[in-house]
Structures are given as structure tokens and as C-alpha cells.
N, C-alpha and C. Protein backbone atom coordinates (compact mmCIF):
# COMPACT_ATOMS: atom_id res chain seq x y z
N MET A 1 47.34 254.93 90.94
CA MET A 1 48.29 255.87 91.27
C MET A 1 49.95 255.50 91.80
N PHE A 2 50.76 256.10 91.16
CA PHE A 2 52.49 256.11 92.04
C PHE A 2 53.19 257.23 92.00
N ILE A 3 53.90 257.13 92.70
CA ILE A 3 54.52 258.01 93.55
C ILE A 3 56.11 257.99 93.28
N GLN A 4 56.80 258.73 93.35
CA GLN A 4 58.18 258.71 93.04
C GLN A 4 58.52 259.56 94.39
N ILE A 5 59.85 259.34 95.42
CA ILE A 5 60.61 260.35 95.92
C ILE A 5 61.94 260.50 95.49
N ILE A 6 62.42 261.37 95.43
CA ILE A 6 63.63 261.53 95.10
C ILE A 6 64.57 262.38 95.91
N ASP A 7 64.80 261.52 96.66
CA ASP A 7 65.95 262.21 97.78
C ASP A 7 67.48 262.42 97.53
N PHE A 8 67.99 264.11 97.45
CA PHE A 8 69.01 264.32 96.95
C PHE A 8 70.05 265.34 98.14
N GLN A 9 70.86 266.21 98.13
CA GLN A 9 71.12 266.60 98.40
C GLN A 9 72.50 267.71 97.59
N SER A 10 72.14 268.88 97.98
CA SER A 10 72.86 269.77 97.49
C SER A 10 72.68 271.06 97.96
N ARG A 11 73.51 271.68 97.78
CA ARG A 11 74.48 273.11 98.47
C ARG A 11 74.25 274.26 97.58
N ARG A 12 73.45 273.79 96.25
CA ARG A 12 73.25 274.65 95.13
C ARG A 12 71.86 274.11 94.52
N PHE A 13 70.94 274.13 95.00
CA PHE A 13 69.93 273.94 95.36
C PHE A 13 69.10 275.22 93.93
N GLU A 14 69.02 276.33 94.71
CA GLU A 14 68.36 277.00 93.56
C GLU A 14 69.00 277.39 92.37
N GLU A 15 69.97 276.60 92.02
CA GLU A 15 70.75 277.12 90.86
C GLU A 15 70.15 276.27 89.81
N GLY A 16 69.66 274.83 90.42
CA GLY A 16 68.40 273.66 89.59
C GLY A 16 67.43 274.21 89.38
N THR A 17 66.68 275.41 90.16
CA THR A 17 65.57 275.65 90.02
C THR A 17 65.81 276.53 88.29
N LYS A 18 65.83 276.47 87.54
CA LYS A 18 66.05 277.21 86.21
C LYS A 18 65.81 276.24 85.40
N HIS A 19 66.73 275.02 85.67
CA HIS A 19 66.70 274.23 84.42
C HIS A 19 65.32 273.31 85.26
N VAL A 20 64.90 273.06 86.01
CA VAL A 20 63.40 272.61 86.17
C VAL A 20 62.59 273.63 85.33
N GLU A 21 62.57 274.78 85.31
CA GLU A 21 61.39 275.47 84.88
C GLU A 21 61.63 275.39 83.34
N GLU A 22 63.02 275.29 83.07
CA GLU A 22 63.04 275.00 81.53
C GLU A 22 62.47 273.78 80.94
N TRP A 23 62.63 272.45 81.75
CA TRP A 23 62.27 271.09 81.75
C TRP A 23 61.12 271.44 81.79
N LYS A 24 60.05 272.12 82.62
CA LYS A 24 58.69 272.04 82.58
C LYS A 24 58.19 272.81 81.28
N SER A 25 58.78 273.85 80.67
CA SER A 25 58.65 274.02 79.62
C SER A 25 58.35 273.30 78.29
N ALA A 26 59.70 272.66 78.33
CA ALA A 26 59.72 271.53 77.26
C ALA A 26 58.68 270.92 76.74
N THR A 27 58.61 270.14 78.60
CA THR A 27 57.68 269.09 78.20
C THR A 27 56.57 269.29 78.51
N LYS A 28 55.76 270.52 78.73
CA LYS A 28 54.41 270.56 78.49
C LYS A 28 53.59 270.09 77.59
N GLY A 29 53.22 269.37 77.83
CA GLY A 29 52.09 268.22 77.20
C GLY A 29 52.13 267.19 77.01
N LYS A 30 53.37 266.64 76.78
CA LYS A 30 54.05 265.27 76.68
C LYS A 30 54.52 264.67 78.04
N ARG A 31 55.03 265.57 79.00
CA ARG A 31 55.50 264.69 80.37
C ARG A 31 54.37 264.05 81.19
N THR A 32 54.39 263.27 81.84
CA THR A 32 53.27 262.37 81.93
C THR A 32 52.99 262.68 84.42
N ALA A 33 54.43 263.26 84.31
CA ALA A 33 54.49 263.54 86.19
C ALA A 33 52.85 264.54 85.99
N LYS A 34 51.98 264.08 87.31
CA LYS A 34 50.68 265.23 87.31
C LYS A 34 51.20 265.94 88.63
N ARG A 35 51.93 265.95 89.22
CA ARG A 35 52.43 266.87 90.29
C ARG A 35 53.61 267.01 90.92
N SER A 36 53.92 267.88 91.70
CA SER A 36 55.31 267.45 92.21
C SER A 36 55.77 268.33 93.26
N VAL A 37 55.97 268.50 94.14
CA VAL A 37 56.24 268.73 95.57
C VAL A 37 57.20 268.90 96.15
N VAL A 38 57.98 269.35 95.79
CA VAL A 38 60.10 269.58 96.75
C VAL A 38 59.75 270.07 98.18
N CYS A 39 60.31 269.17 99.15
CA CYS A 39 60.15 269.85 100.66
C CYS A 39 62.38 269.65 100.97
N LYS A 40 61.81 270.49 102.09
CA LYS A 40 63.01 270.87 102.16
C LYS A 40 63.53 270.53 103.68
N ASP A 41 64.20 269.62 104.16
CA ASP A 41 64.96 268.79 105.57
C ASP A 41 64.75 270.34 106.30
N LEU A 42 64.25 270.16 107.52
CA LEU A 42 64.53 271.35 108.74
C LEU A 42 65.98 271.26 109.34
N ASP A 43 65.78 269.78 109.52
CA ASP A 43 66.96 268.84 110.53
C ASP A 43 68.44 269.00 109.13
N ASN A 44 68.12 269.10 107.83
CA ASN A 44 69.73 268.95 107.34
C ASN A 44 69.39 269.91 106.36
N PRO A 45 70.14 271.07 106.34
CA PRO A 45 69.56 272.61 105.39
C PRO A 45 70.11 271.90 103.75
N ASP A 46 70.57 270.96 103.58
CA ASP A 46 71.23 270.41 102.17
C ASP A 46 70.31 269.42 101.67
N ARG A 47 69.56 268.66 102.48
CA ARG A 47 68.81 267.76 101.83
C ARG A 47 67.39 267.66 101.29
N TYR A 48 67.13 267.62 100.38
CA TYR A 48 65.15 267.74 99.61
C TYR A 48 65.06 266.38 99.55
N LEU A 49 63.80 266.33 99.10
CA LEU A 49 62.74 265.47 98.95
C LEU A 49 62.16 265.96 97.79
N ASN A 50 62.29 264.97 96.83
CA ASN A 50 61.19 266.08 95.47
C ASN A 50 59.96 264.50 95.67
N ILE A 51 58.65 265.02 95.76
CA ILE A 51 57.68 264.03 95.28
C ILE A 51 57.14 264.03 94.42
N VAL A 52 56.97 263.43 93.21
CA VAL A 52 56.21 263.38 92.17
C VAL A 52 54.82 262.28 92.06
N TRP A 53 53.95 262.49 91.81
CA TRP A 53 52.91 261.93 91.20
C TRP A 53 52.47 261.76 89.96
N PHE A 54 52.29 260.28 89.46
CA PHE A 54 51.73 259.30 88.03
C PHE A 54 50.56 259.23 88.34
N ASP A 55 50.18 258.50 87.04
CA ASP A 55 48.58 257.96 87.12
C ASP A 55 49.38 256.25 87.74
N SER A 56 50.31 256.35 86.78
CA SER A 56 51.09 254.38 87.12
C SER A 56 52.88 254.59 86.71
N TYR A 57 53.29 253.12 87.00
CA TYR A 57 54.93 253.01 87.16
C TYR A 57 54.90 253.73 85.67
N GLU A 58 53.97 252.67 84.49
CA GLU A 58 54.26 253.19 83.97
C GLU A 58 55.00 253.80 83.16
N ASP A 59 53.81 254.87 82.84
CA ASP A 59 53.69 256.77 83.01
C ASP A 59 55.22 257.60 83.75
N ALA A 60 55.70 256.78 84.83
CA ALA A 60 56.55 257.26 85.62
C ALA A 60 58.11 256.60 84.24
N MET A 61 57.94 255.76 84.03
CA MET A 61 58.94 255.38 83.34
C MET A 61 59.35 256.12 81.83
N ARG A 62 57.93 256.36 81.00
CA ARG A 62 57.77 257.00 80.52
C ARG A 62 58.19 258.45 80.07
N ASN A 63 57.94 259.20 81.94
CA ASN A 63 58.23 260.54 81.67
C ASN A 63 59.92 260.42 81.80
N SER A 64 60.45 259.12 82.67
CA SER A 64 61.73 259.33 82.71
C SER A 64 62.56 259.25 81.51
N GLU A 65 61.72 258.21 80.62
CA GLU A 65 62.80 258.57 79.12
C GLU A 65 63.13 259.28 78.08
N LEU A 66 62.07 260.44 78.51
CA LEU A 66 61.96 261.51 77.90
C LEU A 66 63.72 262.43 77.57
N PRO A 67 63.87 262.81 76.49
CA PRO A 67 65.29 263.16 76.58
C PRO A 67 65.16 264.46 76.99
N GLU A 68 64.24 265.18 77.64
CA GLU A 68 64.13 266.30 78.56
C GLU A 68 64.39 265.99 79.80
N THR A 69 64.34 265.40 80.21
CA THR A 69 64.03 264.66 81.37
C THR A 69 65.50 263.98 81.81
N GLN A 70 66.19 263.78 80.97
CA GLN A 70 67.29 262.78 81.32
C GLN A 70 68.16 264.10 80.92
N GLN A 71 68.08 265.05 80.10
CA GLN A 71 69.44 266.22 80.11
C GLN A 71 69.33 266.76 81.91
N LEU A 72 67.53 266.60 82.30
CA LEU A 72 67.31 267.40 83.68
C LEU A 72 68.48 266.92 84.80
N ALA A 73 68.23 265.72 84.06
CA ALA A 73 68.72 265.00 85.30
C ALA A 73 70.66 264.87 85.48
N GLU A 74 70.69 265.30 84.17
CA GLU A 74 72.22 265.25 83.96
C GLU A 74 72.66 266.68 84.68
N GLN A 75 71.59 267.62 84.19
CA GLN A 75 72.36 268.90 84.72
C GLN A 75 71.96 269.19 85.88
N LEU A 76 70.62 268.03 86.95
CA LEU A 76 70.97 268.67 88.58
C LEU A 76 72.14 267.64 89.49
N GLY A 77 72.33 266.46 88.76
CA GLY A 77 73.31 265.80 88.77
C GLY A 77 74.17 266.22 89.17
N LYS A 78 75.00 267.32 88.23
CA LYS A 78 76.17 268.26 88.74
C LYS A 78 76.05 269.61 89.52
N LEU A 79 74.38 269.55 89.84
CA LEU A 79 74.42 270.10 91.56
C LEU A 79 74.09 269.82 92.25
N SER A 80 74.31 268.50 92.74
CA SER A 80 73.72 267.57 93.70
C SER A 80 74.69 267.04 94.24
N ASP A 81 75.17 267.20 95.38
CA ASP A 81 75.99 266.27 96.52
C ASP A 81 75.74 264.82 96.74
N GLY A 82 76.20 264.18 95.71
CA GLY A 82 76.27 263.05 95.34
C GLY A 82 75.14 262.18 94.96
N ALA A 83 74.95 260.83 94.43
CA ALA A 83 73.73 260.43 93.87
C ALA A 83 72.09 260.04 94.43
N PRO A 84 71.07 260.77 93.73
CA PRO A 84 69.96 260.86 94.51
C PRO A 84 69.69 259.60 94.48
N ILE A 85 68.27 259.14 95.78
CA ILE A 85 68.13 258.25 95.74
C ILE A 85 66.82 258.07 95.63
N PHE A 86 66.36 257.16 94.72
CA PHE A 86 64.41 257.54 94.00
C PHE A 86 63.98 256.11 95.09
N ARG A 87 62.84 256.38 95.04
CA ARG A 87 61.84 255.57 96.02
C ARG A 87 60.51 256.04 95.03
N ASN A 88 60.68 253.91 94.78
CA ASN A 88 60.00 254.22 93.62
C ASN A 88 58.06 253.57 94.57
N LEU A 89 57.14 254.29 94.71
CA LEU A 89 55.78 253.57 95.62
C LEU A 89 54.55 253.80 94.53
N GLU A 90 54.06 252.50 95.01
CA GLU A 90 52.47 252.07 94.59
C GLU A 90 51.55 252.06 95.60
N VAL A 91 50.63 253.62 95.51
CA VAL A 91 49.80 253.75 96.31
C VAL A 91 48.72 252.53 96.63
N VAL A 92 48.58 251.89 97.92
CA VAL A 92 47.55 251.05 97.88
C VAL A 92 46.40 251.73 98.82
N GLU A 93 46.84 252.28 99.16
CA GLU A 93 45.29 253.49 99.84
C GLU A 93 45.80 254.54 100.51
N GLU A 94 44.29 255.26 100.36
CA GLU A 94 44.80 256.98 100.47
C GLU A 94 43.58 257.16 101.01
N TRP A 95 43.27 258.47 101.79
CA TRP A 95 42.35 258.82 102.77
C TRP A 95 42.69 260.56 102.76
N GLN A 96 41.40 261.55 102.68
CA GLN A 96 41.90 263.38 102.94
C GLN A 96 40.38 263.18 103.53
N ASP A 97 40.87 264.31 104.38
CA ASP A 97 39.56 264.98 105.02
C ASP A 97 39.44 266.50 104.22
């Protein structure tokens, strides 16, 4: 399993949700992202973390190469305050109650 965390800041977060919904519709059946959770930083209200699950690093890279994903990144980049920070994480241990 592979997880990517996208750490970004935006004062225009709500404007981006339309673009994300369009991306989800356009990539249904071909995207490799399995799950996504977006979190708002309570100590910094303009900071968000998007946590995305994939089966593998290779699947994440295939997802990034989709033209629709490239377009989404461009659209969201225009709404962000600075460049996002990407954390690429290979899961080495997991537990759950």
C-alpha cells in the first residue's frame, strides 16, 4: 500500500471542490486512487492535507499522469497560496481496532 499526503494552503478552498468533483466524474473507472481524506488544520485555518491511498507507488504515478489529474493540479494550483508539498509514503505497518 502507498499513501500520498498533499500539504497545501489556500484561502479559496471551497472554489476547488467543483474542480475535484469534475475530476472524480471524468476519471471514474480509470483513476487509481482508492480513497481520499481532506483535513483542515485547526491551528492554521488556510492549511489542508489531502491524504490519498493507492495500491502501490506505481499506481500513484499512473494516476498523476492522467490528463485529467494534470488539469486538476493546474486548476487547484491557481487557487493555492504557494506550491503544495507532496509526501510519498510506503506503508510498512498497519493496525486497526
